[in-house]
């Protein structure tokens, strides 16, 4: 199986872009020399690798879309060595790619604790944020309700609030473990709740 670095080199070759031009399409997350060194040494950080691969995927889609004018599946070569000329088109395609693969939600749920908003549990301590745009957010109200129930078991008064603002789906919490609730903590709270119910 190819490493991330080998996969990036292969995709760059298939797209027809040189490695030293890739940083121009990656929003300044890495410089030309740093990218070349990281690819050569096999030590490219995963967040940067993800950004580079996303740029390469968008470039490939641009070639396919340009060629589809002539025939389905046909790829038209694009001169990616001119990033200044292509930047407006590339950035629009990148936004479209984000919206397709990671859509914006028009509303989301948060858990309010007093005047603050729940963020996570770390080492048994409940951490909060002062505003609803930087705290833990939930696409599914049922999961937010589950967090409220667990916080009440831990002695915190909490409630769910719906926020009518935009946020990417990838920013939402999918599981309780993402925000610090561990299985033993959940099991312990359920046992304690069961004991309290029988006494």
N, C-alpha and C. Protein backbone atom coordinates (compact mmCIF):
# COMPACT_ATOMS: atom_id res chain seq x y z
N UNK A 1 0.85 -1.18 0.00
CA UNK A 1 0.00 0.00 0.00
C UNK A 1 0.89 1.24 0.00
N UNK A 2 0.55 2.20 -0.83
CA UNK A 2 1.36 3.41 -0.97
C UNK A 2 1.21 4.31 0.26
N UNK A 3 2.33 4.95 0.64
CA UNK A 3 2.28 5.90 1.74
C UNK A 3 1.57 7.17 1.27
N UNK A 4 1.22 8.01 2.22
CA UNK A 4 0.57 9.28 1.88
C UNK A 4 1.43 10.09 0.93
N UNK A 5 2.73 10.15 1.22
CA UNK A 5 3.65 10.93 0.39
C UNK A 5 3.72 10.38 -1.03
N UNK A 6 3.78 9.03 -1.15
CA UNK A 6 3.83 8.42 -2.48
C UNK A 6 2.52 8.68 -3.24
N UNK A 7 1.40 8.61 -2.52
CA UNK A 7 0.10 8.87 -3.13
C UNK A 7 0.02 10.30 -3.66
N UNK A 8 0.53 11.25 -2.89
CA UNK A 8 0.52 12.65 -3.32
C UNK A 8 1.38 12.84 -4.56
N UNK A 9 2.56 12.24 -4.58
CA UNK A 9 3.44 12.35 -5.76
C UNK A 9 2.76 11.77 -7.00
N UNK A 10 2.09 10.61 -6.81
CA UNK A 10 1.41 9.96 -7.93
C UNK A 10 0.25 10.82 -8.44
N UNK A 11 -0.55 11.36 -7.52
CA UNK A 11 -1.68 12.21 -7.93
C UNK A 11 -1.18 13.46 -8.66
N UNK A 12 -0.09 14.07 -8.15
CA UNK A 12 0.46 15.27 -8.78
C UNK A 12 0.90 14.95 -10.21
N UNK A 13 1.51 13.78 -10.39
CA UNK A 13 1.94 13.36 -11.73
C UNK A 13 0.72 13.18 -12.65
N UNK A 14 -0.32 12.51 -12.13
CA UNK A 14 -1.52 12.26 -12.93
C UNK A 14 -2.24 13.56 -13.30
N UNK A 15 -2.27 14.50 -12.36
CA UNK A 15 -2.93 15.78 -12.61
C UNK A 15 -2.11 16.64 -13.57
N UNK A 16 -0.79 16.51 -13.46
CA UNK A 16 0.09 17.30 -14.30
C UNK A 16 0.55 18.58 -13.66
N UNK A 17 0.75 18.54 -12.34
CA UNK A 17 1.23 19.72 -11.61
C UNK A 17 2.55 19.34 -10.93
N UNK A 18 3.50 20.26 -10.97
CA UNK A 18 4.78 19.97 -10.32
C UNK A 18 4.65 20.18 -8.82
N UNK A 19 5.46 19.46 -8.07
CA UNK A 19 5.42 19.51 -6.60
C UNK A 19 5.67 20.94 -6.12
N UNK A 20 6.56 21.68 -6.80
CA UNK A 20 6.86 23.04 -6.32
C UNK A 20 5.72 24.03 -6.57
N UNK A 21 4.71 23.65 -7.38
CA UNK A 21 3.54 24.52 -7.59
C UNK A 21 2.38 24.17 -6.66
N UNK A 22 2.40 22.98 -6.06
CA UNK A 22 1.30 22.56 -5.18
C UNK A 22 1.01 23.53 -4.03
N UNK A 23 2.04 24.05 -3.33
CA UNK A 23 1.72 24.97 -2.23
C UNK A 23 0.91 26.19 -2.64
N UNK A 24 1.03 26.61 -3.90
CA UNK A 24 0.25 27.76 -4.38
C UNK A 24 -1.25 27.47 -4.38
N UNK A 25 -1.62 26.20 -4.33
CA UNK A 25 -3.03 25.81 -4.35
C UNK A 25 -3.52 25.33 -2.98
N UNK A 26 -2.67 25.45 -1.96
CA UNK A 26 -3.01 24.88 -0.65
C UNK A 26 -3.23 25.94 0.42
N UNK A 27 -3.49 27.15 0.04
CA UNK A 27 -3.85 28.19 1.00
C UNK A 27 -2.77 28.57 1.98
N UNK A 28 -1.51 28.40 1.61
CA UNK A 28 -0.41 28.84 2.47
C UNK A 28 -0.11 27.95 3.66
N UNK A 29 -0.62 26.71 3.67
CA UNK A 29 -0.37 25.83 4.81
C UNK A 29 1.06 25.29 4.86
N UNK A 30 1.75 25.33 3.71
CA UNK A 30 3.13 24.83 3.66
C UNK A 30 3.85 25.50 2.49
N UNK A 31 5.14 25.73 2.67
CA UNK A 31 5.96 26.34 1.63
C UNK A 31 6.49 25.30 0.65
N UNK A 32 7.07 25.77 -0.45
CA UNK A 32 7.57 24.88 -1.50
C UNK A 32 8.68 23.97 -1.01
N UNK A 33 9.68 24.55 -0.34
CA UNK A 33 10.80 23.76 0.15
C UNK A 33 10.35 22.79 1.22
N UNK A 34 9.50 23.25 2.14
CA UNK A 34 9.02 22.38 3.23
C UNK A 34 8.23 21.20 2.67
N UNK A 35 7.40 21.43 1.65
CA UNK A 35 6.63 20.34 1.06
C UNK A 35 7.56 19.34 0.38
N UNK A 36 8.52 19.83 -0.40
CA UNK A 36 9.46 18.94 -1.08
C UNK A 36 10.25 18.11 -0.07
N UNK A 37 10.71 18.75 1.01
CA UNK A 37 11.46 18.03 2.05
C UNK A 37 10.60 16.99 2.75
N UNK A 38 9.35 17.36 3.08
CA UNK A 38 8.46 16.44 3.78
C UNK A 38 8.10 15.24 2.90
N UNK A 39 7.90 15.47 1.60
CA UNK A 39 7.60 14.37 0.70
C UNK A 39 8.80 13.44 0.54
N UNK A 40 9.99 14.03 0.49
CA UNK A 40 11.21 13.23 0.34
C UNK A 40 11.51 12.41 1.59
N UNK A 41 11.26 12.99 2.76
CA UNK A 41 11.58 12.29 4.01
C UNK A 41 10.45 11.38 4.50
N UNK A 42 9.26 11.53 3.90
CA UNK A 42 8.13 10.72 4.33
C UNK A 42 7.52 11.20 5.64
N UNK A 43 7.67 12.49 5.94
CA UNK A 43 7.17 13.03 7.22
C UNK A 43 6.23 14.21 7.03
N UNK A 44 5.28 14.06 6.16
CA UNK A 44 4.31 15.12 5.92
C UNK A 44 3.19 15.01 6.96
N UNK A 45 2.95 16.08 7.71
CA UNK A 45 1.91 16.08 8.74
C UNK A 45 0.56 15.80 8.10
N UNK A 46 -0.28 15.02 8.80
CA UNK A 46 -1.56 14.59 8.23
C UNK A 46 -2.50 15.74 7.85
N UNK A 47 -2.64 16.79 8.68
CA UNK A 47 -3.54 17.88 8.26
C UNK A 47 -3.07 18.56 6.96
N UNK A 48 -1.76 18.68 6.80
CA UNK A 48 -1.22 19.28 5.57
C UNK A 48 -1.42 18.32 4.40
N UNK A 49 -1.17 17.03 4.64
CA UNK A 49 -1.38 16.03 3.58
C UNK A 49 -2.83 16.04 3.11
N UNK A 50 -3.77 16.16 4.05
CA UNK A 50 -5.19 16.20 3.69
C UNK A 50 -5.50 17.40 2.80
N UNK A 51 -4.91 18.55 3.15
CA UNK A 51 -5.13 19.78 2.38
C UNK A 51 -4.56 19.63 0.97
N UNK A 52 -3.35 19.05 0.86
CA UNK A 52 -2.69 18.86 -0.45
C UNK A 52 -3.51 17.89 -1.30
N UNK A 53 -3.95 16.78 -0.68
CA UNK A 53 -4.74 15.80 -1.44
C UNK A 53 -6.08 16.38 -1.89
N UNK A 54 -6.68 17.21 -1.06
CA UNK A 54 -7.93 17.86 -1.45
C UNK A 54 -7.70 18.76 -2.66
N UNK A 55 -6.61 19.53 -2.65
CA UNK A 55 -6.29 20.40 -3.79
C UNK A 55 -6.09 19.57 -5.06
N UNK A 56 -5.40 18.44 -4.93
CA UNK A 56 -5.17 17.57 -6.08
C UNK A 56 -6.48 16.96 -6.59
N UNK A 57 -7.37 16.61 -5.68
CA UNK A 57 -8.68 16.07 -6.10
C UNK A 57 -9.47 17.11 -6.88
N UNK A 58 -9.43 18.37 -6.42
CA UNK A 58 -10.14 19.44 -7.12
C UNK A 58 -9.51 19.67 -8.50
N UNK A 59 -8.19 19.64 -8.58
CA UNK A 59 -7.52 19.80 -9.88
C UNK A 59 -7.94 18.71 -10.85
N UNK A 60 -8.02 17.47 -10.34
CA UNK A 60 -8.44 16.34 -11.20
C UNK A 60 -9.86 16.56 -11.69
N UNK A 61 -10.74 17.02 -10.81
CA UNK A 61 -12.13 17.30 -11.21
C UNK A 61 -12.20 18.41 -12.26
N UNK A 62 -11.33 19.41 -12.13
CA UNK A 62 -11.28 20.49 -13.12
C UNK A 62 -10.93 19.95 -14.49
N UNK A 63 -9.96 19.02 -14.54
CA UNK A 63 -9.57 18.43 -15.83
C UNK A 63 -10.71 17.62 -16.43
N UNK A 64 -11.40 16.86 -15.59
CA UNK A 64 -12.50 16.02 -16.07
C UNK A 64 -13.65 16.90 -16.56
N UNK A 65 -13.98 17.94 -15.78
CA UNK A 65 -15.07 18.83 -16.19
C UNK A 65 -14.76 19.57 -17.48
N UNK A 66 -13.51 20.00 -17.63
CA UNK A 66 -13.12 20.70 -18.86
C UNK A 66 -13.21 19.76 -20.06
N UNK A 67 -12.86 18.51 -19.88
CA UNK A 67 -12.89 17.54 -20.98
C UNK A 67 -14.28 17.03 -21.30
N UNK A 68 -15.20 17.12 -20.33
CA UNK A 68 -16.55 16.58 -20.56
C UNK A 68 -17.30 17.34 -21.65
N UNK A 69 -16.80 18.51 -22.00
CA UNK A 69 -17.39 19.27 -23.12
C UNK A 69 -17.25 18.46 -24.41
N UNK A 70 -16.15 17.71 -24.50
CA UNK A 70 -15.87 16.94 -25.73
C UNK A 70 -16.44 15.53 -25.67
N UNK A 71 -16.27 14.86 -24.50
CA UNK A 71 -16.77 13.49 -24.36
C UNK A 71 -16.79 13.12 -22.87
N UNK A 72 -17.75 12.32 -22.43
CA UNK A 72 -17.79 11.91 -21.03
C UNK A 72 -16.51 11.17 -20.65
N UNK A 73 -15.94 11.52 -19.52
CA UNK A 73 -14.72 10.88 -19.04
C UNK A 73 -13.44 11.39 -19.68
N UNK A 74 -13.55 12.25 -20.66
CA UNK A 74 -12.37 12.81 -21.33
C UNK A 74 -11.76 13.89 -20.44
N UNK A 75 -10.44 13.87 -20.30
CA UNK A 75 -9.75 14.88 -19.50
C UNK A 75 -9.01 15.84 -20.40
N UNK A 76 -9.19 17.10 -20.15
CA UNK A 76 -8.50 18.14 -20.90
C UNK A 76 -7.32 18.63 -20.08
N UNK A 77 -6.13 18.69 -20.66
CA UNK A 77 -4.98 19.18 -19.87
C UNK A 77 -5.18 20.64 -19.47
N UNK A 78 -4.76 20.97 -18.25
CA UNK A 78 -4.82 22.33 -17.74
C UNK A 78 -3.42 22.70 -17.29
N UNK A 79 -3.00 23.90 -17.60
CA UNK A 79 -1.66 24.36 -17.21
C UNK A 79 -1.70 24.88 -15.76
N UNK A 80 -1.44 23.97 -14.81
CA UNK A 80 -1.46 24.33 -13.40
C UNK A 80 -0.21 25.09 -12.96
N UNK A 81 0.71 25.35 -13.89
CA UNK A 81 1.92 26.11 -13.53
C UNK A 81 1.63 27.61 -13.45
N UNK A 82 0.38 28.01 -13.73
CA UNK A 82 -0.02 29.42 -13.67
C UNK A 82 -1.06 29.62 -12.56
N UNK A 83 -0.67 29.47 -11.28
CA UNK A 83 -1.66 29.55 -10.20
C UNK A 83 -2.39 30.90 -10.12
N UNK A 84 -1.71 31.98 -10.45
CA UNK A 84 -2.37 33.30 -10.37
C UNK A 84 -3.54 33.38 -11.34
N UNK A 85 -3.38 32.81 -12.52
CA UNK A 85 -4.44 32.86 -13.52
C UNK A 85 -5.59 31.91 -13.16
N UNK A 86 -5.26 30.79 -12.53
CA UNK A 86 -6.28 29.79 -12.22
C UNK A 86 -6.93 29.96 -10.84
N UNK A 87 -6.32 30.79 -9.98
CA UNK A 87 -6.77 30.87 -8.59
C UNK A 87 -8.27 31.14 -8.43
N UNK A 88 -8.87 32.11 -9.13
CA UNK A 88 -10.31 32.34 -8.93
C UNK A 88 -11.17 31.11 -9.25
N UNK A 89 -10.86 30.44 -10.36
CA UNK A 89 -11.62 29.25 -10.75
C UNK A 89 -11.36 28.12 -9.76
N UNK A 90 -10.10 27.92 -9.39
CA UNK A 90 -9.73 26.86 -8.46
C UNK A 90 -10.41 27.07 -7.10
N UNK A 91 -10.37 28.30 -6.59
CA UNK A 91 -10.96 28.57 -5.27
C UNK A 91 -12.47 28.36 -5.28
N UNK A 92 -13.14 28.71 -6.38
CA UNK A 92 -14.58 28.45 -6.48
C UNK A 92 -14.85 26.95 -6.49
N UNK A 93 -14.05 26.21 -7.24
CA UNK A 93 -14.22 24.75 -7.30
C UNK A 93 -13.93 24.12 -5.94
N UNK A 94 -12.96 24.68 -5.21
CA UNK A 94 -12.65 24.17 -3.87
C UNK A 94 -13.83 24.41 -2.93
N UNK A 95 -14.45 25.58 -3.01
CA UNK A 95 -15.64 25.87 -2.19
C UNK A 95 -16.78 24.90 -2.54
N UNK A 96 -16.98 24.67 -3.84
CA UNK A 96 -18.01 23.73 -4.28
C UNK A 96 -17.73 22.32 -3.74
N UNK A 97 -16.44 21.95 -3.77
CA UNK A 97 -16.01 20.63 -3.27
C UNK A 97 -16.30 20.53 -1.77
N UNK A 98 -15.99 21.59 -1.01
CA UNK A 98 -16.28 21.61 0.44
C UNK A 98 -17.77 21.48 0.68
N UNK A 99 -18.56 22.25 -0.06
CA UNK A 99 -20.00 22.24 0.15
C UNK A 99 -20.62 20.89 -0.18
N UNK A 100 -20.06 20.20 -1.16
CA UNK A 100 -20.58 18.88 -1.52
C UNK A 100 -20.18 17.83 -0.49
N UNK A 101 -18.90 17.84 -0.09
CA UNK A 101 -18.39 16.81 0.81
C UNK A 101 -18.56 17.14 2.29
N UNK A 102 -18.70 18.41 2.61
CA UNK A 102 -18.84 18.83 4.00
C UNK A 102 -19.80 20.02 4.02
N UNK A 103 -21.10 19.76 3.87
CA UNK A 103 -22.06 20.85 3.72
C UNK A 103 -22.19 21.72 4.96
N UNK A 104 -22.62 22.94 4.73
CA UNK A 104 -22.92 23.87 5.82
C UNK A 104 -24.31 23.54 6.36
N UNK A 105 -24.42 23.51 7.67
CA UNK A 105 -25.71 23.32 8.32
C UNK A 105 -26.31 24.70 8.58
N UNK A 106 -27.59 24.84 8.37
CA UNK A 106 -28.22 26.15 8.60
C UNK A 106 -28.57 26.36 10.08
N UNK A 107 -28.53 25.29 10.84
CA UNK A 107 -28.75 25.39 12.28
C UNK A 107 -28.09 24.19 12.95
N UNK A 108 -27.80 24.32 14.23
CA UNK A 108 -27.22 23.22 14.99
C UNK A 108 -27.60 23.38 16.45
N UNK A 109 -27.36 22.35 17.24
CA UNK A 109 -27.70 22.38 18.66
C UNK A 109 -26.44 22.51 19.50
N UNK A 110 -26.57 23.20 20.62
CA UNK A 110 -25.51 23.27 21.62
C UNK A 110 -26.14 22.97 22.97
N UNK A 111 -25.28 22.70 23.96
CA UNK A 111 -25.76 22.42 25.31
C UNK A 111 -25.34 23.58 26.19
N UNK A 112 -26.33 24.24 26.78
CA UNK A 112 -26.05 25.40 27.62
C UNK A 112 -25.95 24.93 29.08
N UNK A 113 -24.91 25.43 29.75
CA UNK A 113 -24.72 25.19 31.19
C UNK A 113 -24.61 26.58 31.81
N UNK A 114 -25.66 27.03 32.45
CA UNK A 114 -25.67 28.38 33.01
C UNK A 114 -25.57 29.40 31.89
N UNK A 115 -24.57 30.29 32.00
CA UNK A 115 -24.38 31.32 30.98
C UNK A 115 -23.42 30.88 29.88
N UNK A 116 -22.78 29.71 30.06
CA UNK A 116 -21.79 29.21 29.10
C UNK A 116 -22.33 28.02 28.33
N UNK A 117 -21.48 27.48 27.44
CA UNK A 117 -21.87 26.38 26.58
C UNK A 117 -20.88 25.24 26.70
N UNK A 118 -21.41 24.02 26.79
CA UNK A 118 -20.58 22.82 26.97
C UNK A 118 -19.62 22.64 25.80
N UNK A 119 -18.35 22.32 26.14
CA UNK A 119 -17.36 22.03 25.11
C UNK A 119 -16.92 20.57 25.16
N UNK A 120 -16.47 20.13 26.34
CA UNK A 120 -16.03 18.74 26.47
C UNK A 120 -15.76 18.42 27.93
N UNK A 121 -15.45 17.17 28.19
CA UNK A 121 -15.02 16.73 29.52
C UNK A 121 -13.57 16.30 29.39
N UNK A 122 -12.73 16.85 30.25
CA UNK A 122 -11.31 16.48 30.27
C UNK A 122 -10.94 16.14 31.71
N UNK A 123 -10.42 14.93 31.90
CA UNK A 123 -10.02 14.45 33.23
C UNK A 123 -11.14 14.63 34.25
N UNK A 124 -12.36 14.35 33.83
CA UNK A 124 -13.51 14.44 34.72
C UNK A 124 -14.05 15.85 34.93
N UNK A 125 -13.39 16.86 34.38
CA UNK A 125 -13.82 18.24 34.54
C UNK A 125 -14.63 18.69 33.31
N UNK A 126 -15.77 19.33 33.58
CA UNK A 126 -16.62 19.83 32.49
C UNK A 126 -16.07 21.18 32.05
N UNK A 127 -15.70 21.26 30.77
CA UNK A 127 -15.17 22.51 30.20
C UNK A 127 -16.26 23.19 29.37
N UNK A 128 -16.33 24.51 29.49
CA UNK A 128 -17.33 25.27 28.75
C UNK A 128 -16.66 26.38 27.96
N UNK A 129 -17.43 26.96 27.06
CA UNK A 129 -17.00 28.11 26.26
C UNK A 129 -18.03 29.23 26.45
N UNK A 130 -17.60 30.48 26.28
CA UNK A 130 -18.55 31.58 26.50
C UNK A 130 -19.53 31.83 25.36
N UNK A 131 -19.25 31.28 24.17
CA UNK A 131 -20.16 31.56 23.05
C UNK A 131 -20.53 30.27 22.30
N UNK A 132 -21.68 30.25 21.65
CA UNK A 132 -22.16 29.03 20.98
C UNK A 132 -21.46 28.72 19.65
N UNK A 133 -20.59 29.59 19.18
CA UNK A 133 -19.93 29.32 17.90
C UNK A 133 -18.61 28.58 18.07
N UNK A 134 -18.13 28.43 19.32
CA UNK A 134 -16.85 27.75 19.52
C UNK A 134 -16.95 26.54 20.44
N UNK A 135 -18.16 26.19 20.85
CA UNK A 135 -18.35 25.05 21.76
C UNK A 135 -18.69 23.79 20.96
N UNK A 136 -18.90 22.69 21.67
CA UNK A 136 -19.34 21.46 21.01
C UNK A 136 -20.71 21.70 20.38
N UNK A 137 -20.87 21.26 19.14
CA UNK A 137 -22.17 21.43 18.48
C UNK A 137 -22.65 20.09 17.93
N UNK A 138 -23.95 19.98 17.79
CA UNK A 138 -24.59 18.72 17.43
C UNK A 138 -25.57 18.94 16.29
N UNK A 139 -25.49 18.09 15.29
CA UNK A 139 -26.49 18.13 14.22
C UNK A 139 -27.76 17.45 14.69
N UNK A 140 -27.62 16.39 15.46
CA UNK A 140 -28.76 15.62 15.94
C UNK A 140 -29.18 16.09 17.34
N UNK A 141 -30.37 16.62 17.49
CA UNK A 141 -30.84 17.03 18.82
C UNK A 141 -30.85 15.89 19.83
N UNK A 142 -31.08 14.67 19.36
CA UNK A 142 -31.12 13.51 20.27
C UNK A 142 -29.77 13.32 20.97
N UNK A 143 -28.68 13.54 20.25
CA UNK A 143 -27.35 13.40 20.86
C UNK A 143 -27.11 14.52 21.87
N UNK A 144 -27.55 15.72 21.55
CA UNK A 144 -27.43 16.84 22.50
C UNK A 144 -28.25 16.54 23.76
N UNK A 145 -29.44 15.96 23.60
CA UNK A 145 -30.26 15.57 24.75
C UNK A 145 -29.55 14.53 25.61
N UNK A 146 -28.84 13.62 24.95
CA UNK A 146 -28.08 12.60 25.68
C UNK A 146 -26.98 13.25 26.53
N UNK A 147 -26.32 14.26 25.97
CA UNK A 147 -25.29 15.00 26.72
C UNK A 147 -25.93 15.68 27.93
N UNK A 148 -27.09 16.28 27.74
CA UNK A 148 -27.79 16.93 28.86
C UNK A 148 -28.05 15.92 29.97
N UNK A 149 -28.55 14.74 29.60
CA UNK A 149 -28.83 13.71 30.61
C UNK A 149 -27.56 13.32 31.37
N UNK A 150 -26.44 13.17 30.64
CA UNK A 150 -25.18 12.79 31.29
C UNK A 150 -24.66 13.91 32.19
N UNK A 151 -24.81 15.15 31.76
CA UNK A 151 -24.35 16.28 32.58
C UNK A 151 -25.19 16.41 33.85
N UNK A 152 -26.49 16.15 33.74
CA UNK A 152 -27.36 16.20 34.92
C UNK A 152 -26.92 15.14 35.92
N UNK A 153 -26.54 13.94 35.42
CA UNK A 153 -26.03 12.88 36.30
C UNK A 153 -24.75 13.31 37.00
N UNK A 154 -23.98 14.20 36.35
CA UNK A 154 -22.73 14.69 36.94
C UNK A 154 -22.97 15.91 37.83
N UNK A 155 -24.23 16.31 37.98
CA UNK A 155 -24.57 17.42 38.86
C UNK A 155 -24.61 18.80 38.21
N UNK A 156 -24.72 18.85 36.88
CA UNK A 156 -24.77 20.12 36.16
C UNK A 156 -26.15 20.32 35.55
N UNK A 157 -26.73 21.49 35.77
CA UNK A 157 -28.01 21.83 35.14
C UNK A 157 -27.69 22.25 33.70
N UNK A 158 -28.34 21.61 32.74
CA UNK A 158 -28.04 21.88 31.33
C UNK A 158 -29.31 21.79 30.51
N UNK A 159 -29.29 22.46 29.35
CA UNK A 159 -30.40 22.35 28.41
C UNK A 159 -29.89 22.54 27.00
N UNK A 160 -30.69 22.11 26.04
CA UNK A 160 -30.33 22.19 24.62
C UNK A 160 -30.85 23.50 24.05
N UNK A 161 -30.01 24.14 23.26
CA UNK A 161 -30.40 25.38 22.59
C UNK A 161 -30.11 25.22 21.10
N UNK A 162 -31.04 25.61 20.25
CA UNK A 162 -30.85 25.54 18.80
C UNK A 162 -30.29 26.88 18.34
N UNK A 163 -29.19 26.81 17.58
CA UNK A 163 -28.50 28.02 17.09
C UNK A 163 -28.75 28.13 15.58
N UNK A 164 -29.37 29.21 15.12
CA UNK A 164 -29.67 29.36 13.69
C UNK A 164 -28.51 30.01 12.92
N UNK A 165 -27.31 29.46 13.07
CA UNK A 165 -26.12 29.96 12.36
C UNK A 165 -25.53 28.85 11.51
N UNK A 166 -24.66 29.24 10.59
CA UNK A 166 -24.03 28.27 9.69
C UNK A 166 -22.80 27.64 10.37
N UNK A 167 -22.66 26.33 10.17
CA UNK A 167 -21.49 25.61 10.66
C UNK A 167 -21.33 24.36 9.81
N UNK A 168 -20.09 23.96 9.53
CA UNK A 168 -19.85 22.78 8.69
C UNK A 168 -20.20 21.51 9.44
N UNK A 169 -20.72 20.55 8.70
CA UNK A 169 -21.11 19.26 9.29
C UNK A 169 -19.92 18.58 9.98
N UNK A 170 -18.72 18.73 9.43
CA UNK A 170 -17.54 18.06 10.01
C UNK A 170 -17.22 18.59 11.41
N UNK A 171 -17.72 19.76 11.76
CA UNK A 171 -17.47 20.34 13.08
C UNK A 171 -18.41 19.80 14.14
N UNK A 172 -19.42 19.03 13.74
CA UNK A 172 -20.39 18.55 14.71
C UNK A 172 -19.90 17.29 15.41
N UNK A 173 -20.40 17.09 16.62
CA UNK A 173 -20.06 15.92 17.42
C UNK A 173 -20.91 14.74 16.94
N UNK A 174 -20.26 13.61 16.73
CA UNK A 174 -20.97 12.41 16.25
C UNK A 174 -21.18 11.39 17.37
N UNK A 175 -20.25 11.36 18.35
CA UNK A 175 -20.35 10.40 19.45
C UNK A 175 -19.98 11.08 20.76
N UNK A 176 -20.45 10.54 21.86
CA UNK A 176 -20.12 11.09 23.17
C UNK A 176 -18.63 10.97 23.48
N UNK A 177 -17.99 9.94 22.97
CA UNK A 177 -16.56 9.75 23.25
C UNK A 177 -15.71 10.88 22.65
N UNK A 178 -16.19 11.51 21.57
CA UNK A 178 -15.47 12.64 20.96
C UNK A 178 -15.30 13.80 21.92
N UNK A 179 -16.22 13.94 22.86
CA UNK A 179 -16.21 15.09 23.76
C UNK A 179 -15.90 14.69 25.20
N UNK A 180 -15.25 13.54 25.34
CA UNK A 180 -14.71 13.16 26.64
C UNK A 180 -15.53 12.24 27.50
N UNK A 181 -16.74 11.88 27.09
CA UNK A 181 -17.51 10.91 27.85
C UNK A 181 -16.95 9.53 27.55
N UNK A 182 -16.49 8.85 28.58
CA UNK A 182 -15.91 7.52 28.38
C UNK A 182 -16.94 6.47 28.72
N UNK A 183 -16.74 5.27 28.18
CA UNK A 183 -17.67 4.17 28.45
C UNK A 183 -17.77 3.87 29.93
N UNK A 184 -16.64 3.78 30.68
CA UNK A 184 -16.76 3.53 32.12
C UNK A 184 -17.57 4.62 32.82
N UNK A 185 -17.39 5.90 32.42
CA UNK A 185 -18.14 7.00 33.02
C UNK A 185 -19.63 6.83 32.76
N UNK A 186 -19.98 6.46 31.53
CA UNK A 186 -21.38 6.27 31.18
C UNK A 186 -21.96 5.08 31.92
N UNK A 187 -21.20 3.98 31.99
CA UNK A 187 -21.68 2.78 32.69
C UNK A 187 -21.84 3.07 34.18
N UNK A 188 -20.86 3.78 34.77
CA UNK A 188 -20.90 4.12 36.19
C UNK A 188 -22.14 4.97 36.49
N UNK A 189 -22.41 5.95 35.65
CA UNK A 189 -23.59 6.79 35.85
C UNK A 189 -24.87 5.99 35.72
N UNK A 190 -24.90 5.03 34.79
CA UNK A 190 -26.10 4.21 34.63
C UNK A 190 -26.30 3.30 35.83
N UNK A 191 -25.20 2.74 36.38
CA UNK A 191 -25.29 1.89 37.57
C UNK A 191 -25.76 2.71 38.75
N UNK A 192 -25.16 3.90 38.94
CA UNK A 192 -25.56 4.78 40.04
C UNK A 192 -27.03 5.12 39.90
N UNK A 193 -27.47 5.46 38.69
CA UNK A 193 -28.87 5.78 38.46
C UNK A 193 -29.78 4.59 38.78
N UNK A 194 -29.32 3.37 38.41
CA UNK A 194 -30.11 2.18 38.69
C UNK A 194 -30.18 1.95 40.21
N UNK A 195 -29.06 2.13 40.92
CA UNK A 195 -29.05 1.95 42.37
C UNK A 195 -29.98 2.94 43.04
N UNK A 196 -29.94 4.19 42.59
CA UNK A 196 -30.79 5.23 43.18
C UNK A 196 -32.27 4.92 42.96
N UNK A 197 -32.56 4.27 41.84
CA UNK A 197 -33.94 3.96 41.54
C UNK A 197 -34.49 2.84 42.41
N UNK A 198 -33.61 1.95 42.89
CA UNK A 198 -34.08 0.81 43.67
C UNK A 198 -34.09 1.09 45.17
N UNK A 199 -33.34 2.12 45.60
CA UNK A 199 -33.29 2.41 47.05
C UNK A 199 -34.41 3.29 47.48
